[in-house]
Amino acid sequence: MSTVSISLANSSFQYIGAVGSIAVPPMSGTFTPSPVSITLPATLAPGMYYVVVQADAGNVVAESNETNNGLAIGFTVLP
């Protein structure tokens, strides 16, 4: 079983904290999207942030390329 971690980073990509994770069973070469809800801290100041998603966060799956498991999605918190 692998884990996808979901975390929050500021505009400088500095880690703020974990906001979720998903346990993923071994894959068979297919892809099935899974909707996930996260809750951001109510104290989040206005500004630019990133939700960072890291597949195989614990490096339990042997892969030919271990550098393509991340995705960052930017968003802005308005005042």
N, C-alpha and C. Protein backbone atom coordinates (compact mmCIF):
# COMPACT_ATOMS: atom_id res chain seq x y z
N MET A 1 0.86 -1.17 0.00
CA MET A 1 0.00 0.00 0.00
C MET A 1 0.90 1.23 0.00
N SER A 2 0.58 2.16 -0.85
CA SER A 2 1.32 3.41 -0.97
C SER A 2 0.46 4.55 -0.42
N THR A 3 1.10 5.67 -0.14
CA THR A 3 0.38 6.83 0.40
C THR A 3 0.61 8.05 -0.48
N VAL A 4 -0.46 8.77 -0.76
CA VAL A 4 -0.38 10.06 -1.42
C VAL A 4 -0.53 11.10 -0.32
N SER A 5 0.48 11.97 -0.18
CA SER A 5 0.40 13.01 0.84
C SER A 5 -0.08 14.31 0.21
N ILE A 6 -0.84 15.07 0.97
CA ILE A 6 -1.34 16.37 0.52
C ILE A 6 -0.93 17.38 1.58
N SER A 7 -0.17 18.39 1.16
CA SER A 7 0.31 19.38 2.11
C SER A 7 0.12 20.78 1.56
N LEU A 8 0.36 21.74 2.42
CA LEU A 8 0.20 23.14 2.08
C LEU A 8 1.55 23.82 2.16
N ALA A 9 1.85 24.66 1.16
CA ALA A 9 3.12 25.41 1.14
C ALA A 9 2.82 26.87 0.83
N ASN A 10 3.71 27.75 1.27
CA ASN A 10 3.52 29.17 0.97
C ASN A 10 4.08 29.50 -0.41
N SER A 11 4.08 30.78 -0.77
CA SER A 11 4.50 31.19 -2.12
C SER A 11 5.98 30.91 -2.39
N SER A 12 6.77 30.68 -1.33
CA SER A 12 8.19 30.32 -1.49
C SER A 12 8.38 28.81 -1.44
N PHE A 13 7.29 28.06 -1.49
CA PHE A 13 7.28 26.60 -1.39
C PHE A 13 7.80 26.09 -0.05
N GLN A 14 7.68 26.90 0.99
CA GLN A 14 8.03 26.45 2.33
C GLN A 14 6.84 25.69 2.90
N TYR A 15 7.13 24.54 3.46
CA TYR A 15 6.10 23.65 4.02
C TYR A 15 5.37 24.34 5.17
N ILE A 16 4.05 24.34 5.12
CA ILE A 16 3.23 24.88 6.20
C ILE A 16 2.66 23.74 7.04
N GLY A 17 2.17 22.70 6.39
CA GLY A 17 1.64 21.58 7.14
C GLY A 17 0.87 20.61 6.27
N ALA A 18 0.64 19.43 6.82
CA ALA A 18 -0.12 18.40 6.12
C ALA A 18 -1.61 18.74 6.19
N VAL A 19 -2.32 18.50 5.10
CA VAL A 19 -3.76 18.74 5.08
C VAL A 19 -4.54 17.48 4.68
N GLY A 20 -3.82 16.38 4.43
CA GLY A 20 -4.52 15.15 4.10
C GLY A 20 -3.59 14.10 3.54
N SER A 21 -4.12 12.89 3.42
CA SER A 21 -3.39 11.79 2.78
C SER A 21 -4.41 10.77 2.30
N ILE A 22 -3.96 9.96 1.35
CA ILE A 22 -4.83 8.94 0.76
C ILE A 22 -4.02 7.65 0.68
N ALA A 23 -4.57 6.55 1.16
CA ALA A 23 -3.94 5.24 0.99
C ALA A 23 -4.32 4.72 -0.39
N VAL A 24 -3.32 4.26 -1.13
CA VAL A 24 -3.53 3.81 -2.50
C VAL A 24 -3.07 2.37 -2.64
N PRO A 25 -3.95 1.46 -3.09
CA PRO A 25 -3.53 0.08 -3.30
C PRO A 25 -2.60 -0.02 -4.51
N PRO A 26 -1.87 -1.13 -4.64
CA PRO A 26 -1.01 -1.29 -5.82
C PRO A 26 -1.80 -1.11 -7.11
N MET A 27 -1.19 -0.42 -8.05
CA MET A 27 -1.87 -0.13 -9.31
C MET A 27 -1.60 -1.21 -10.35
N SER A 28 -2.54 -1.36 -11.25
CA SER A 28 -2.42 -2.39 -12.28
C SER A 28 -2.27 -1.76 -13.66
N GLY A 29 -1.70 -0.56 -13.72
CA GLY A 29 -1.53 0.09 -15.01
C GLY A 29 -2.72 0.91 -15.43
N THR A 30 -3.70 1.04 -14.57
CA THR A 30 -4.87 1.85 -14.88
C THR A 30 -4.93 3.03 -13.91
N PHE A 31 -5.75 3.99 -14.24
CA PHE A 31 -5.90 5.18 -13.41
C PHE A 31 -7.36 5.40 -13.07
N THR A 32 -7.65 5.56 -11.81
CA THR A 32 -9.01 5.87 -11.37
C THR A 32 -8.95 7.11 -10.49
N PRO A 33 -9.54 8.22 -10.95
CA PRO A 33 -9.49 9.44 -10.13
C PRO A 33 -10.30 9.26 -8.84
N SER A 34 -9.80 9.86 -7.78
CA SER A 34 -10.49 9.80 -6.49
C SER A 34 -10.66 11.22 -5.96
N PRO A 35 -11.88 11.69 -5.83
CA PRO A 35 -12.07 13.03 -5.27
C PRO A 35 -11.65 13.06 -3.81
N VAL A 36 -11.04 14.15 -3.41
CA VAL A 36 -10.56 14.31 -2.04
C VAL A 36 -10.93 15.70 -1.57
N SER A 37 -11.44 15.78 -0.36
CA SER A 37 -11.73 17.08 0.25
C SER A 37 -10.65 17.38 1.28
N ILE A 38 -10.17 18.61 1.28
CA ILE A 38 -9.20 19.04 2.28
C ILE A 38 -9.75 20.27 2.98
N THR A 39 -9.31 20.48 4.20
CA THR A 39 -9.70 21.66 4.95
C THR A 39 -8.46 22.51 5.20
N LEU A 40 -8.51 23.74 4.75
CA LEU A 40 -7.39 24.65 4.96
C LEU A 40 -7.58 25.36 6.30
N PRO A 41 -6.47 25.74 6.95
CA PRO A 41 -6.59 26.43 8.23
C PRO A 41 -7.40 27.72 8.11
N ALA A 42 -8.30 27.96 9.04
CA ALA A 42 -9.11 29.18 9.03
C ALA A 42 -8.26 30.42 9.25
N THR A 43 -7.06 30.24 9.80
CA THR A 43 -6.17 31.36 10.10
C THR A 43 -5.24 31.71 8.94
N LEU A 44 -5.46 31.09 7.79
CA LEU A 44 -4.60 31.32 6.62
C LEU A 44 -4.70 32.78 6.18
N ALA A 45 -3.57 33.48 6.20
CA ALA A 45 -3.55 34.89 5.81
C ALA A 45 -3.72 35.03 4.30
N PRO A 46 -4.23 36.17 3.84
CA PRO A 46 -4.33 36.39 2.40
C PRO A 46 -2.97 36.26 1.72
N GLY A 47 -2.96 35.70 0.52
CA GLY A 47 -1.71 35.54 -0.22
C GLY A 47 -1.75 34.32 -1.12
N MET A 48 -0.61 34.03 -1.75
CA MET A 48 -0.46 32.91 -2.67
C MET A 48 0.02 31.68 -1.91
N TYR A 49 -0.60 30.53 -2.21
CA TYR A 49 -0.25 29.27 -1.57
C TYR A 49 -0.27 28.15 -2.61
N TYR A 50 0.23 26.99 -2.21
CA TYR A 50 0.22 25.80 -3.06
C TYR A 50 -0.30 24.61 -2.27
N VAL A 51 -1.16 23.83 -2.89
CA VAL A 51 -1.47 22.49 -2.40
C VAL A 51 -0.49 21.57 -3.12
N VAL A 52 0.29 20.83 -2.34
CA VAL A 52 1.33 19.96 -2.91
C VAL A 52 0.90 18.51 -2.72
N VAL A 53 0.82 17.78 -3.82
CA VAL A 53 0.42 16.38 -3.81
C VAL A 53 1.63 15.54 -4.17
N GLN A 54 1.96 14.57 -3.31
CA GLN A 54 3.14 13.73 -3.52
C GLN A 54 2.71 12.27 -3.52
N ALA A 55 2.78 11.63 -4.70
CA ALA A 55 2.46 10.20 -4.80
C ALA A 55 3.60 9.38 -4.22
N ASP A 56 3.27 8.23 -3.70
CA ASP A 56 4.25 7.32 -3.09
C ASP A 56 5.14 8.08 -2.11
N ALA A 57 4.49 8.81 -1.19
CA ALA A 57 5.21 9.67 -0.26
C ALA A 57 6.23 8.92 0.60
N GLY A 58 5.98 7.65 0.87
CA GLY A 58 6.91 6.86 1.68
C GLY A 58 7.92 6.08 0.88
N ASN A 59 7.95 6.28 -0.44
CA ASN A 59 8.87 5.56 -1.34
C ASN A 59 8.80 4.05 -1.16
N VAL A 60 7.59 3.51 -1.08
CA VAL A 60 7.44 2.06 -0.93
C VAL A 60 7.31 1.35 -2.27
N VAL A 61 7.06 2.09 -3.35
CA VAL A 61 6.91 1.50 -4.67
C VAL A 61 8.19 1.72 -5.46
N ALA A 62 8.80 0.64 -5.93
CA ALA A 62 10.00 0.76 -6.76
C ALA A 62 9.59 1.26 -8.14
N GLU A 63 10.23 2.33 -8.59
CA GLU A 63 9.89 2.94 -9.87
C GLU A 63 11.16 3.23 -10.66
N SER A 64 11.03 3.26 -11.98
CA SER A 64 12.18 3.60 -12.82
C SER A 64 12.48 5.09 -12.75
N ASN A 65 11.48 5.91 -12.40
CA ASN A 65 11.67 7.35 -12.26
C ASN A 65 10.99 7.80 -10.97
N GLU A 66 11.78 8.10 -9.95
CA GLU A 66 11.24 8.52 -8.65
C GLU A 66 11.05 10.03 -8.56
N THR A 67 11.34 10.76 -9.64
CA THR A 67 11.30 12.23 -9.58
C THR A 67 10.02 12.83 -10.17
N ASN A 68 9.09 12.00 -10.59
CA ASN A 68 7.88 12.53 -11.24
C ASN A 68 6.61 12.26 -10.44
N ASN A 69 6.72 12.25 -9.13
CA ASN A 69 5.58 11.89 -8.29
C ASN A 69 4.89 13.08 -7.64
N GLY A 70 5.30 14.30 -7.97
CA GLY A 70 4.74 15.46 -7.30
C GLY A 70 3.97 16.39 -8.22
N LEU A 71 3.04 17.13 -7.61
CA LEU A 71 2.26 18.13 -8.33
C LEU A 71 1.93 19.24 -7.35
N ALA A 72 2.11 20.49 -7.78
CA ALA A 72 1.75 21.65 -6.96
C ALA A 72 0.69 22.46 -7.69
N ILE A 73 -0.36 22.80 -6.98
CA ILE A 73 -1.46 23.57 -7.55
C ILE A 73 -1.56 24.88 -6.78
N GLY A 74 -1.34 25.99 -7.47
CA GLY A 74 -1.36 27.29 -6.82
C GLY A 74 -2.76 27.86 -6.68
N PHE A 75 -2.95 28.62 -5.61
CA PHE A 75 -4.22 29.32 -5.39
C PHE A 75 -3.96 30.55 -4.54
N THR A 76 -4.89 31.48 -4.58
CA THR A 76 -4.77 32.73 -3.83
C THR A 76 -5.88 32.82 -2.80
N VAL A 77 -5.49 33.17 -1.57
CA VAL A 77 -6.46 33.44 -0.51
C VAL A 77 -6.70 34.95 -0.53
N LEU A 78 -7.94 35.33 -0.71
CA LEU A 78 -8.30 36.75 -0.76
C LEU A 78 -8.63 37.27 0.63
N PRO A 79 -8.44 38.59 0.83
CA PRO A 79 -8.76 39.16 2.16
C PRO A 79 -10.25 39.12 2.44
